Amino acid sequence: MTSSLTQLMRIDVAAPPVPELLASRRVEDVRIALEQFAAARNTTPMAMTLDQRREAMRELAASGLLNLRRALTEVAQTLGVARSTVYTYLPEDLA
Protein backbone atom coordinates (compact mmCIF):
# COMPACT_ATOMS: atom_id res chain seq x y z
CA MET A 1 0.00 0.00 0.00
CA THR A 2 2.74 2.47 0.88
CA SER A 3 4.66 1.67 -2.29
CA SER A 4 1.57 2.52 -4.33
CA LEU A 5 1.20 5.83 -2.53
CA THR A 6 4.88 6.54 -3.01
CA GLN A 7 4.52 6.00 -6.76
CA LEU A 8 1.50 8.30 -6.94
CA MET A 9 3.23 11.03 -4.97
CA ARG A 10 6.52 10.81 -6.85
CA ILE A 11 7.37 13.87 -8.93
CA ASP A 12 9.39 13.55 -12.11
CA VAL A 13 12.10 16.16 -11.65
CA ALA A 14 13.38 15.82 -15.22
CA ALA A 15 10.03 16.80 -16.76
CA PRO A 16 10.21 20.13 -18.59
CA PRO A 17 7.97 22.87 -17.22
CA VAL A 18 4.76 23.51 -19.06
CA PRO A 19 4.77 27.04 -20.46
CA GLU A 20 1.74 29.03 -19.43
CA LEU A 21 0.48 31.75 -21.72
CA LEU A 22 -2.28 34.10 -20.71
CA ALA A 23 -2.55 35.68 -24.14
CA SER A 24 -4.21 33.66 -26.84
CA ARG A 25 -2.16 32.89 -29.91
CA ARG A 26 -3.05 34.52 -33.19
CA VAL A 27 -2.26 33.58 -36.75
CA GLU A 28 -0.08 36.72 -36.93
CA ASP A 29 2.23 35.00 -34.43
CA VAL A 30 3.19 32.62 -37.25
CA ARG A 31 4.44 35.51 -39.38
CA ILE A 32 6.26 37.04 -36.42
CA ALA A 33 7.95 33.72 -35.61
CA LEU A 34 9.07 33.28 -39.23
CA GLU A 35 10.43 36.82 -39.38
CA GLN A 36 12.34 36.32 -36.12
CA PHE A 37 13.69 32.98 -37.35
CA ALA A 38 14.91 34.58 -40.58
CA ALA A 39 16.36 37.63 -38.81
CA ALA A 40 18.37 35.36 -36.50
CA ARG A 41 19.96 33.92 -39.65
CA ASN A 42 20.52 37.34 -41.23
CA THR A 43 18.02 36.83 -44.04
CA THR A 44 14.38 37.45 -44.89
CA PRO A 45 11.60 34.85 -44.87
CA MET A 46 11.39 34.91 -48.68
CA ALA A 47 15.16 34.47 -49.07
CA MET A 48 15.50 31.48 -46.74
CA THR A 49 16.97 28.30 -48.18
CA LEU A 50 15.00 25.08 -48.37
CA ASP A 51 16.79 23.68 -45.30
CA GLN A 52 16.09 26.86 -43.35
CA ARG A 53 12.41 26.73 -44.31
CA ARG A 54 12.16 23.13 -43.16
CA GLU A 55 13.90 23.98 -39.90
CA ALA A 56 11.52 26.91 -39.40
CA MET A 57 8.55 24.62 -39.97
CA ARG A 58 9.91 22.16 -37.40
CA GLU A 59 10.16 24.99 -34.89
CA LEU A 60 6.64 26.21 -35.69
CA ALA A 61 5.32 22.68 -35.26
CA ALA A 62 7.16 22.23 -31.96
CA SER A 63 5.77 25.50 -30.63
CA GLY A 64 2.23 24.54 -31.65
CA LEU A 65 1.78 27.47 -34.02
CA LEU A 66 0.93 25.17 -36.93
CA ASN A 67 -2.17 24.05 -35.04
CA LEU A 68 -3.73 27.48 -35.48
CA ARG A 69 -6.43 27.91 -38.06
CA ARG A 70 -5.06 29.31 -41.36
CA ALA A 71 -1.47 28.92 -40.12
CA LEU A 72 -0.27 27.28 -43.34
CA THR A 73 -1.84 30.05 -45.40
CA GLU A 74 0.05 32.60 -43.28
CA VAL A 75 3.28 30.64 -43.76
CA ALA A 76 2.74 30.61 -47.53
CA GLN A 77 2.11 34.36 -47.66
CA THR A 78 5.12 35.13 -45.47
CA LEU A 79 7.44 32.92 -47.51
CA GLY A 80 5.99 34.05 -50.84
CA VAL A 81 5.08 30.55 -52.01
CA ALA A 82 1.90 28.64 -52.79
CA ARG A 83 0.15 26.96 -49.88
CA SER A 84 0.66 23.57 -51.53
CA THR A 85 4.42 24.20 -51.47
CA VAL A 86 4.32 24.71 -47.70
CA TYR A 87 3.24 21.08 -47.28
CA THR A 88 6.60 19.98 -48.70
CA TYR A 89 8.34 21.83 -45.86
CA LEU A 90 6.40 20.00 -43.14
CA PRO A 91 8.24 17.50 -40.95
CA GLU A 92 7.63 13.87 -41.94
CA ASP A 93 5.47 13.16 -38.88
CA LEU A 94 3.08 16.00 -39.78
CA ALA A 95 2.92 15.59 -43.54
C-alpha atoms as a PDB file:
ATOM      1  CA  MET A   1       0.000   0.000   0.000  1.00  0.00           C
ATOM      2  CA  THR A   2       2.740   2.470   0.885  1.00  0.00           C
ATOM      3  CA  SER A   3       4.660   1.673  -2.290  1.00  0.00           C
ATOM      4  CA  SER A   4       1.566   2.523  -4.332  1.00  0.00           C
ATOM      5  CA  LEU A   5       1.203   5.826  -2.526  1.00  0.00           C
ATOM      6  CA  THR A   6       4.880   6.544  -3.014  1.00  0.00           C
ATOM      7  CA  GLN A   7       4.516   6.000  -6.759  1.00  0.00           C
ATOM      8  CA  LEU A   8       1.497   8.301  -6.935  1.00  0.00           C
ATOM      9  CA  MET A   9       3.235  11.034  -4.974  1.00  0.00           C
ATOM     10  CA  ARG A  10       6.523  10.808  -6.854  1.00  0.00           C
ATOM     11  CA  ILE A  11       7.371  13.868  -8.934  1.00  0.00           C
ATOM     12  CA  ASP A  12       9.394  13.550 -12.113  1.00  0.00           C
ATOM     13  CA  VAL A  13      12.099  16.163 -11.647  1.00  0.00           C
ATOM     14  CA  ALA A  14      13.375  15.822 -15.219  1.00  0.00           C
ATOM     15  CA  ALA A  15      10.032  16.796 -16.756  1.00  0.00           C
ATOM     16  CA  PRO A  16      10.211  20.134 -18.589  1.00  0.00           C
ATOM     17  CA  PRO A  17       7.974  22.875 -17.220  1.00  0.00           C
ATOM     18  CA  VAL A  18       4.755  23.508 -19.059  1.00  0.00           C
ATOM     19  CA  PRO A  19       4.766  27.042 -20.455  1.00  0.00           C
ATOM     20  CA  GLU A  20       1.743  29.029 -19.432  1.00  0.00           C
ATOM     21  CA  LEU A  21       0.481  31.748 -21.721  1.00  0.00           C
ATOM     22  CA  LEU A  22      -2.277  34.098 -20.708  1.00  0.00           C
ATOM     23  CA  ALA A  23      -2.545  35.678 -24.139  1.00  0.00           C
ATOM     24  CA  SER A  24      -4.213  33.657 -26.835  1.00  0.00           C
ATOM     25  CA  ARG A  25      -2.165  32.894 -29.913  1.00  0.00           C
ATOM     26  CA  ARG A  26      -3.050  34.520 -33.187  1.00  0.00           C
ATOM     27  CA  VAL A  27      -2.257  33.583 -36.755  1.00  0.00           C
ATOM     28  CA  GLU A  28      -0.076  36.719 -36.928  1.00  0.00           C
ATOM     29  CA  ASP A  29       2.234  35.001 -34.432  1.00  0.00           C
ATOM     30  CA  VAL A  30       3.185  32.615 -37.249  1.00  0.00           C
ATOM     31  CA  ARG A  31       4.440  35.510 -39.382  1.00  0.00           C
ATOM     32  CA  ILE A  32       6.263  37.045 -36.420  1.00  0.00           C
ATOM     33  CA  ALA A  33       7.949  33.723 -35.610  1.00  0.00           C
ATOM     34  CA  LEU A  34       9.070  33.284 -39.227  1.00  0.00           C
ATOM     35  CA  GLU A  35      10.429  36.821 -39.381  1.00  0.00           C
ATOM     36  CA  GLN A  36      12.343  36.316 -36.119  1.00  0.00           C
ATOM     37  CA  PHE A  37      13.693  32.979 -37.351  1.00  0.00           C
ATOM     38  CA  ALA A  38      14.907  34.585 -40.583  1.00  0.00           C
ATOM     39  CA  ALA A  39      16.357  37.628 -38.808  1.00  0.00           C
ATOM     40  CA  ALA A  40      18.365  35.359 -36.502  1.00  0.00           C
ATOM     41  CA  ARG A  41      19.956  33.917 -39.654  1.00  0.00           C
ATOM     42  CA  ASN A  42      20.522  37.341 -41.229  1.00  0.00           C
ATOM     43  CA  THR A  43      18.020  36.825 -44.037  1.00  0.00           C
ATOM     44  CA  THR A  44      14.378  37.455 -44.892  1.00  0.00           C
ATOM     45  CA  PRO A  45      11.603  34.853 -44.869  1.00  0.00           C
ATOM     46  CA  MET A  46      11.390  34.908 -48.678  1.00  0.00           C
ATOM     47  CA  ALA A  47      15.160  34.467 -49.075  1.00  0.00           C
ATOM     48  CA  MET A  48      15.499  31.476 -46.739  1.00  0.00           C
ATOM     49  CA  THR A  49      16.972  28.299 -48.181  1.00  0.00           C
ATOM     50  CA  LEU A  50      14.996  25.079 -48.366  1.00  0.00           C
ATOM     51  CA  ASP A  51      16.790  23.683 -45.302  1.00  0.00           C
ATOM     52  CA  GLN A  52      16.086  26.865 -43.351  1.00  0.00           C
ATOM     53  CA  ARG A  53      12.414  26.730 -44.313  1.00  0.00           C
ATOM     54  CA  ARG A  54      12.164  23.129 -43.165  1.00  0.00           C
ATOM     55  CA  GLU A  55      13.899  23.982 -39.898  1.00  0.00           C
ATOM     56  CA  ALA A  56      11.516  26.913 -39.398  1.00  0.00           C
ATOM     57  CA  MET A  57       8.546  24.617 -39.975  1.00  0.00           C
ATOM     58  CA  ARG A  58       9.909  22.155 -37.398  1.00  0.00           C
ATOM     59  CA  GLU A  59      10.159  24.994 -34.885  1.00  0.00           C
ATOM     60  CA  LEU A  60       6.643  26.207 -35.693  1.00  0.00           C
ATOM     61  CA  ALA A  61       5.316  22.678 -35.263  1.00  0.00           C
ATOM     62  CA  ALA A  62       7.161  22.229 -31.961  1.00  0.00           C
ATOM     63  CA  SER A  63       5.768  25.499 -30.633  1.00  0.00           C
ATOM     64  CA  GLY A  64       2.226  24.543 -31.645  1.00  0.00           C
ATOM     65  CA  LEU A  65       1.776  27.467 -34.020  1.00  0.00           C
ATOM     66  CA  LEU A  66       0.935  25.166 -36.933  1.00  0.00           C
ATOM     67  CA  ASN A  67      -2.169  24.052 -35.037  1.00  0.00           C
ATOM     68  CA  LEU A  68      -3.728  27.480 -35.483  1.00  0.00           C
ATOM     69  CA  ARG A  69      -6.432  27.913 -38.064  1.00  0.00           C
ATOM     70  CA  ARG A  70      -5.056  29.307 -41.361  1.00  0.00           C
ATOM     71  CA  ALA A  71      -1.469  28.915 -40.118  1.00  0.00           C
ATOM     72  CA  LEU A  72      -0.274  27.281 -43.337  1.00  0.00           C
ATOM     73  CA  THR A  73      -1.837  30.054 -45.396  1.00  0.00           C
ATOM     74  CA  GLU A  74       0.049  32.604 -43.279  1.00  0.00           C
ATOM     75  CA  VAL A  75       3.285  30.640 -43.756  1.00  0.00           C
ATOM     76  CA  ALA A  76       2.739  30.609 -47.526  1.00  0.00           C
ATOM     77  CA  GLN A  77       2.108  34.363 -47.662  1.00  0.00           C
ATOM     78  CA  THR A  78       5.122  35.133 -45.469  1.00  0.00           C
ATOM     79  CA  LEU A  79       7.443  32.916 -47.507  1.00  0.00           C
ATOM     80  CA  GLY A  80       5.992  34.046 -50.840  1.00  0.00           C
ATOM     81  CA  VAL A  81       5.081  30.549 -52.012  1.00  0.00           C
ATOM     82  CA  ALA A  82       1.903  28.637 -52.791  1.00  0.00           C
ATOM     83  CA  ARG A  83       0.154  26.956 -49.879  1.00  0.00           C
ATOM     84  CA  SER A  84       0.661  23.572 -51.533  1.00  0.00           C
ATOM     85  CA  THR A  85       4.423  24.197 -51.473  1.00  0.00           C
ATOM     86  CA  VAL A  86       4.317  24.710 -47.703  1.00  0.00           C
ATOM     87  CA  TYR A  87       3.244  21.078 -47.280  1.00  0.00           C
ATOM     88  CA  THR A  88       6.604  19.978 -48.704  1.00  0.00           C
ATOM     89  CA  TYR A  89       8.340  21.828 -45.863  1.00  0.00           C
ATOM     90  CA  LEU A  90       6.403  20.004 -43.143  1.00  0.00           C
ATOM     91  CA  PRO A  91       8.237  17.500 -40.948  1.00  0.00           C
ATOM     92  CA  GLU A  92       7.630  13.871 -41.935  1.00  0.00           C
ATOM     93  CA  ASP A  93       5.475  13.164 -38.878  1.00  0.00           C
ATOM     94  CA  LEU A  94       3.077  16.004 -39.781  1.00  0.00           C
ATOM     95  CA  ALA A  95       2.921  15.587 -43.544  1.00  0.00           C
END
